[in-house]
Amino acid sequence: MVIRYAETADHLWLKQHDNISEEILKIKIGLKEIYVVQDGCELIGWLRYNLFWDSIPFINLIFFLEEHRRKGIGKKLVHFWENEMKEKGYLNVLT
């Protein structure tokens, strides 16, 4: 299992599974505000975040395909994201 930033190549898969506009999706991929979880060659979930008051990261959405739920992957993804935010210098996050 790999957690990484979403890339342009992930756009179509995310578009099929997320409910935000295609324009916003492209922007968020460019800003690196979407993390995907990949199991082998398959994308199985993602986390999308934004900045509250332009200064506090918060999770907009965390989602996994049905067959990959209840396996602790979401917890790993949230911890990964929290650590990334800490490395970027944020003192607080909202979940």
N, C-alpha and C. Protein backbone atom coordinates (compact mmCIF):
# COMPACT_ATOMS: atom_id res chain seq x y z
N MET A 1 0.84 -1.17 0.00
CA MET A 1 0.00 0.00 0.00
C MET A 1 0.89 1.24 0.00
N VAL A 2 0.55 2.20 -0.86
CA VAL A 2 1.31 3.43 -0.99
C VAL A 2 0.36 4.62 -0.83
N ILE A 3 0.78 5.60 -0.06
CA ILE A 3 0.05 6.86 0.06
C ILE A 3 0.90 7.91 -0.63
N ARG A 4 0.27 8.66 -1.54
CA ARG A 4 1.01 9.66 -2.30
C ARG A 4 0.08 10.79 -2.72
N TYR A 5 0.69 11.88 -3.20
CA TYR A 5 -0.11 12.95 -3.77
C TYR A 5 -0.80 12.45 -5.03
N ALA A 6 -2.00 12.92 -5.26
CA ALA A 6 -2.68 12.62 -6.52
C ALA A 6 -1.92 13.30 -7.65
N GLU A 7 -1.90 12.62 -8.78
CA GLU A 7 -1.22 13.13 -9.97
C GLU A 7 -2.24 13.32 -11.09
N THR A 8 -1.83 14.02 -12.12
CA THR A 8 -2.70 14.25 -13.27
C THR A 8 -3.24 12.93 -13.81
N ALA A 9 -2.44 11.89 -13.80
CA ALA A 9 -2.87 10.58 -14.30
C ALA A 9 -4.01 9.98 -13.47
N ASP A 10 -4.20 10.45 -12.24
CA ASP A 10 -5.27 9.96 -11.36
C ASP A 10 -6.58 10.70 -11.58
N HIS A 11 -6.55 11.75 -12.37
CA HIS A 11 -7.70 12.64 -12.55
C HIS A 11 -8.97 11.89 -12.95
N LEU A 12 -8.88 11.04 -13.96
CA LEU A 12 -10.07 10.34 -14.45
C LEU A 12 -10.68 9.45 -13.37
N TRP A 13 -9.85 8.71 -12.64
CA TRP A 13 -10.36 7.84 -11.58
C TRP A 13 -11.03 8.67 -10.49
N LEU A 14 -10.38 9.75 -10.08
CA LEU A 14 -10.96 10.61 -9.05
C LEU A 14 -12.27 11.23 -9.53
N LYS A 15 -12.30 11.66 -10.77
CA LYS A 15 -13.51 12.27 -11.34
C LYS A 15 -14.68 11.28 -11.31
N GLN A 16 -14.39 10.01 -11.51
CA GLN A 16 -15.44 8.98 -11.50
C GLN A 16 -15.96 8.71 -10.10
N HIS A 17 -15.18 9.01 -9.07
CA HIS A 17 -15.55 8.64 -7.71
C HIS A 17 -15.85 9.82 -6.78
N ASP A 18 -15.38 11.02 -7.12
CA ASP A 18 -15.58 12.18 -6.27
C ASP A 18 -16.69 13.04 -6.86
N ASN A 19 -17.30 13.88 -6.05
CA ASN A 19 -18.44 14.66 -6.53
C ASN A 19 -18.12 16.15 -6.70
N ILE A 20 -16.84 16.53 -6.71
CA ILE A 20 -16.50 17.93 -6.93
C ILE A 20 -16.36 18.18 -8.43
N SER A 21 -16.40 19.43 -8.81
CA SER A 21 -16.31 19.77 -10.23
C SER A 21 -14.94 19.39 -10.79
N GLU A 22 -14.93 19.14 -12.08
CA GLU A 22 -13.69 18.76 -12.75
C GLU A 22 -12.65 19.88 -12.64
N GLU A 23 -13.09 21.11 -12.73
CA GLU A 23 -12.19 22.26 -12.63
C GLU A 23 -11.53 22.32 -11.25
N ILE A 24 -12.32 22.18 -10.20
CA ILE A 24 -11.78 22.20 -8.83
C ILE A 24 -10.86 21.00 -8.61
N LEU A 25 -11.24 19.85 -9.14
CA LEU A 25 -10.42 18.65 -9.00
C LEU A 25 -9.03 18.88 -9.60
N LYS A 26 -8.97 19.45 -10.78
CA LYS A 26 -7.68 19.74 -11.43
C LYS A 26 -6.86 20.70 -10.59
N ILE A 27 -7.51 21.72 -10.05
CA ILE A 27 -6.80 22.71 -9.22
C ILE A 27 -6.23 22.04 -7.97
N LYS A 28 -7.04 21.20 -7.30
CA LYS A 28 -6.61 20.56 -6.06
C LYS A 28 -5.48 19.57 -6.31
N ILE A 29 -5.50 18.90 -7.47
CA ILE A 29 -4.38 18.01 -7.81
C ILE A 29 -3.12 18.85 -7.98
N GLY A 30 -3.23 19.97 -8.68
CA GLY A 30 -2.08 20.85 -8.88
C GLY A 30 -1.54 21.43 -7.59
N LEU A 31 -2.42 21.72 -6.65
CA LEU A 31 -2.00 22.27 -5.35
C LEU A 31 -1.54 21.20 -4.36
N LYS A 32 -1.63 19.94 -4.77
CA LYS A 32 -1.26 18.80 -3.92
C LYS A 32 -2.12 18.75 -2.66
N GLU A 33 -3.42 18.96 -2.85
CA GLU A 33 -4.38 18.90 -1.75
C GLU A 33 -5.22 17.64 -1.79
N ILE A 34 -4.75 16.66 -2.55
CA ILE A 34 -5.41 15.34 -2.58
C ILE A 34 -4.33 14.28 -2.44
N TYR A 35 -4.54 13.37 -1.52
CA TYR A 35 -3.68 12.20 -1.35
C TYR A 35 -4.47 10.98 -1.80
N VAL A 36 -3.82 10.07 -2.51
CA VAL A 36 -4.47 8.83 -2.91
C VAL A 36 -3.77 7.67 -2.23
N VAL A 37 -4.54 6.59 -2.07
CA VAL A 37 -4.00 5.34 -1.53
C VAL A 37 -4.03 4.34 -2.67
N GLN A 38 -2.89 3.74 -2.92
CA GLN A 38 -2.75 2.80 -4.02
C GLN A 38 -2.35 1.45 -3.46
N ASP A 39 -3.04 0.41 -3.88
CA ASP A 39 -2.74 -0.97 -3.50
C ASP A 39 -2.32 -1.68 -4.78
N GLY A 40 -1.03 -1.90 -4.93
CA GLY A 40 -0.51 -2.43 -6.20
C GLY A 40 -0.70 -1.36 -7.26
N CYS A 41 -1.40 -1.71 -8.33
CA CYS A 41 -1.67 -0.75 -9.42
C CYS A 41 -3.04 -0.09 -9.26
N GLU A 42 -3.79 -0.48 -8.23
CA GLU A 42 -5.17 -0.03 -8.08
C GLU A 42 -5.29 1.10 -7.05
N LEU A 43 -5.99 2.16 -7.43
CA LEU A 43 -6.34 3.20 -6.47
C LEU A 43 -7.54 2.72 -5.66
N ILE A 44 -7.46 2.86 -4.34
CA ILE A 44 -8.53 2.33 -3.50
C ILE A 44 -9.19 3.40 -2.64
N GLY A 45 -8.60 4.59 -2.56
CA GLY A 45 -9.19 5.63 -1.74
C GLY A 45 -8.42 6.93 -1.86
N TRP A 46 -8.97 7.96 -1.22
CA TRP A 46 -8.31 9.26 -1.26
C TRP A 46 -8.74 10.13 -0.09
N LEU A 47 -7.94 11.16 0.14
CA LEU A 47 -8.22 12.18 1.13
C LEU A 47 -8.06 13.52 0.41
N ARG A 48 -9.05 14.37 0.60
CA ARG A 48 -9.02 15.71 0.01
C ARG A 48 -9.10 16.72 1.15
N TYR A 49 -8.24 17.74 1.12
CA TYR A 49 -8.27 18.73 2.19
C TYR A 49 -8.25 20.14 1.63
N ASN A 50 -8.48 21.09 2.51
CA ASN A 50 -8.49 22.50 2.17
C ASN A 50 -7.93 23.26 3.36
N LEU A 51 -7.87 24.58 3.26
CA LEU A 51 -7.40 25.41 4.36
C LEU A 51 -8.55 26.26 4.89
N PHE A 52 -8.83 26.12 6.18
CA PHE A 52 -9.84 26.92 6.87
C PHE A 52 -9.19 28.24 7.22
N TRP A 53 -9.85 29.35 6.93
CA TRP A 53 -9.30 30.69 7.16
C TRP A 53 -7.93 30.85 6.48
N ASP A 54 -7.70 30.10 5.43
CA ASP A 54 -6.44 30.14 4.67
C ASP A 54 -5.23 29.78 5.53
N SER A 55 -5.44 29.14 6.68
CA SER A 55 -4.30 28.87 7.55
C SER A 55 -4.38 27.55 8.33
N ILE A 56 -5.53 26.90 8.38
CA ILE A 56 -5.67 25.67 9.15
C ILE A 56 -6.14 24.55 8.22
N PRO A 57 -5.30 23.55 7.98
CA PRO A 57 -5.72 22.44 7.13
C PRO A 57 -6.88 21.67 7.75
N PHE A 58 -7.85 21.32 6.92
CA PHE A 58 -8.95 20.47 7.37
C PHE A 58 -9.32 19.48 6.28
N ILE A 59 -9.75 18.32 6.70
CA ILE A 59 -10.13 17.26 5.76
C ILE A 59 -11.52 17.55 5.23
N ASN A 60 -11.62 17.68 3.90
CA ASN A 60 -12.92 17.82 3.24
C ASN A 60 -13.59 16.46 3.08
N LEU A 61 -12.78 15.47 2.70
CA LEU A 61 -13.34 14.16 2.38
C LEU A 61 -12.27 13.10 2.53
N ILE A 62 -12.65 11.99 3.10
CA ILE A 62 -11.82 10.79 3.08
C ILE A 62 -12.75 9.67 2.64
N PHE A 63 -12.32 8.91 1.64
CA PHE A 63 -13.21 7.91 1.06
C PHE A 63 -12.40 6.71 0.60
N PHE A 64 -12.98 5.52 0.81
CA PHE A 64 -12.39 4.27 0.31
C PHE A 64 -13.45 3.46 -0.39
N LEU A 65 -13.03 2.75 -1.43
CA LEU A 65 -13.94 1.83 -2.08
C LEU A 65 -14.43 0.83 -1.04
N GLU A 66 -15.66 0.40 -1.19
CA GLU A 66 -16.35 -0.45 -0.21
C GLU A 66 -15.50 -1.62 0.29
N GLU A 67 -14.86 -2.34 -0.62
CA GLU A 67 -14.12 -3.55 -0.24
C GLU A 67 -12.83 -3.26 0.53
N HIS A 68 -12.45 -1.99 0.65
CA HIS A 68 -11.22 -1.64 1.35
C HIS A 68 -11.49 -0.91 2.67
N ARG A 69 -12.72 -0.89 3.09
CA ARG A 69 -13.08 -0.23 4.34
C ARG A 69 -12.89 -1.17 5.53
N ARG A 70 -12.80 -0.57 6.71
CA ARG A 70 -12.69 -1.32 7.98
C ARG A 70 -11.43 -2.19 8.05
N LYS A 71 -10.36 -1.68 7.47
CA LYS A 71 -9.08 -2.40 7.50
C LYS A 71 -7.97 -1.56 8.13
N GLY A 72 -8.34 -0.38 8.66
CA GLY A 72 -7.36 0.50 9.29
C GLY A 72 -6.60 1.38 8.32
N ILE A 73 -6.93 1.32 7.04
CA ILE A 73 -6.21 2.12 6.05
C ILE A 73 -6.52 3.60 6.23
N GLY A 74 -7.76 3.93 6.55
CA GLY A 74 -8.14 5.32 6.77
C GLY A 74 -7.37 5.95 7.90
N LYS A 75 -7.18 5.20 8.97
CA LYS A 75 -6.42 5.69 10.12
C LYS A 75 -4.98 5.99 9.69
N LYS A 76 -4.39 5.08 8.89
CA LYS A 76 -3.03 5.31 8.40
C LYS A 76 -2.97 6.55 7.51
N LEU A 77 -3.98 6.73 6.68
CA LEU A 77 -4.02 7.88 5.79
C LEU A 77 -4.13 9.18 6.58
N VAL A 78 -4.97 9.22 7.59
CA VAL A 78 -5.11 10.43 8.41
C VAL A 78 -3.81 10.73 9.14
N HIS A 79 -3.16 9.72 9.70
CA HIS A 79 -1.88 9.94 10.39
C HIS A 79 -0.83 10.45 9.41
N PHE A 80 -0.81 9.89 8.21
CA PHE A 80 0.12 10.33 7.18
C PHE A 80 -0.11 11.81 6.87
N TRP A 81 -1.38 12.17 6.67
CA TRP A 81 -1.75 13.56 6.37
C TRP A 81 -1.36 14.49 7.52
N GLU A 82 -1.65 14.08 8.75
CA GLU A 82 -1.30 14.91 9.90
C GLU A 82 0.21 15.16 9.95
N ASN A 83 0.99 14.13 9.70
CA ASN A 83 2.45 14.28 9.69
C ASN A 83 2.91 15.20 8.57
N GLU A 84 2.29 15.07 7.40
CA GLU A 84 2.62 15.95 6.28
C GLU A 84 2.33 17.41 6.64
N MET A 85 1.20 17.65 7.27
CA MET A 85 0.84 19.02 7.66
C MET A 85 1.82 19.57 8.69
N LYS A 86 2.25 18.72 9.61
CA LYS A 86 3.22 19.13 10.61
C LYS A 86 4.55 19.50 9.94
N GLU A 87 4.97 18.69 8.96
CA GLU A 87 6.21 18.97 8.23
C GLU A 87 6.10 20.26 7.44
N LYS A 88 4.91 20.62 7.02
CA LYS A 88 4.70 21.87 6.28
C LYS A 88 4.62 23.07 7.21
N GLY A 89 4.67 22.82 8.51
CA GLY A 89 4.71 23.92 9.48
C GLY A 89 3.38 24.29 10.09
N TYR A 90 2.33 23.54 9.83
CA TYR A 90 1.04 23.85 10.44
C TYR A 90 1.03 23.34 11.88
N LEU A 91 0.53 24.18 12.79
CA LEU A 91 0.50 23.81 14.20
C LEU A 91 -0.79 23.09 14.56
N ASN A 92 -1.87 23.32 13.80
CA ASN A 92 -3.16 22.71 14.07
C ASN A 92 -3.77 22.18 12.78
N VAL A 93 -4.61 21.17 12.93
CA VAL A 93 -5.41 20.66 11.81
C VAL A 93 -6.81 20.39 12.32
N LEU A 94 -7.75 20.37 11.41
CA LEU A 94 -9.13 20.01 11.74
C LEU A 94 -9.49 18.75 10.96
N THR A 95 -10.13 17.83 11.67
CA THR A 95 -10.54 16.59 11.01
C THR A 95 -12.05 16.43 11.12
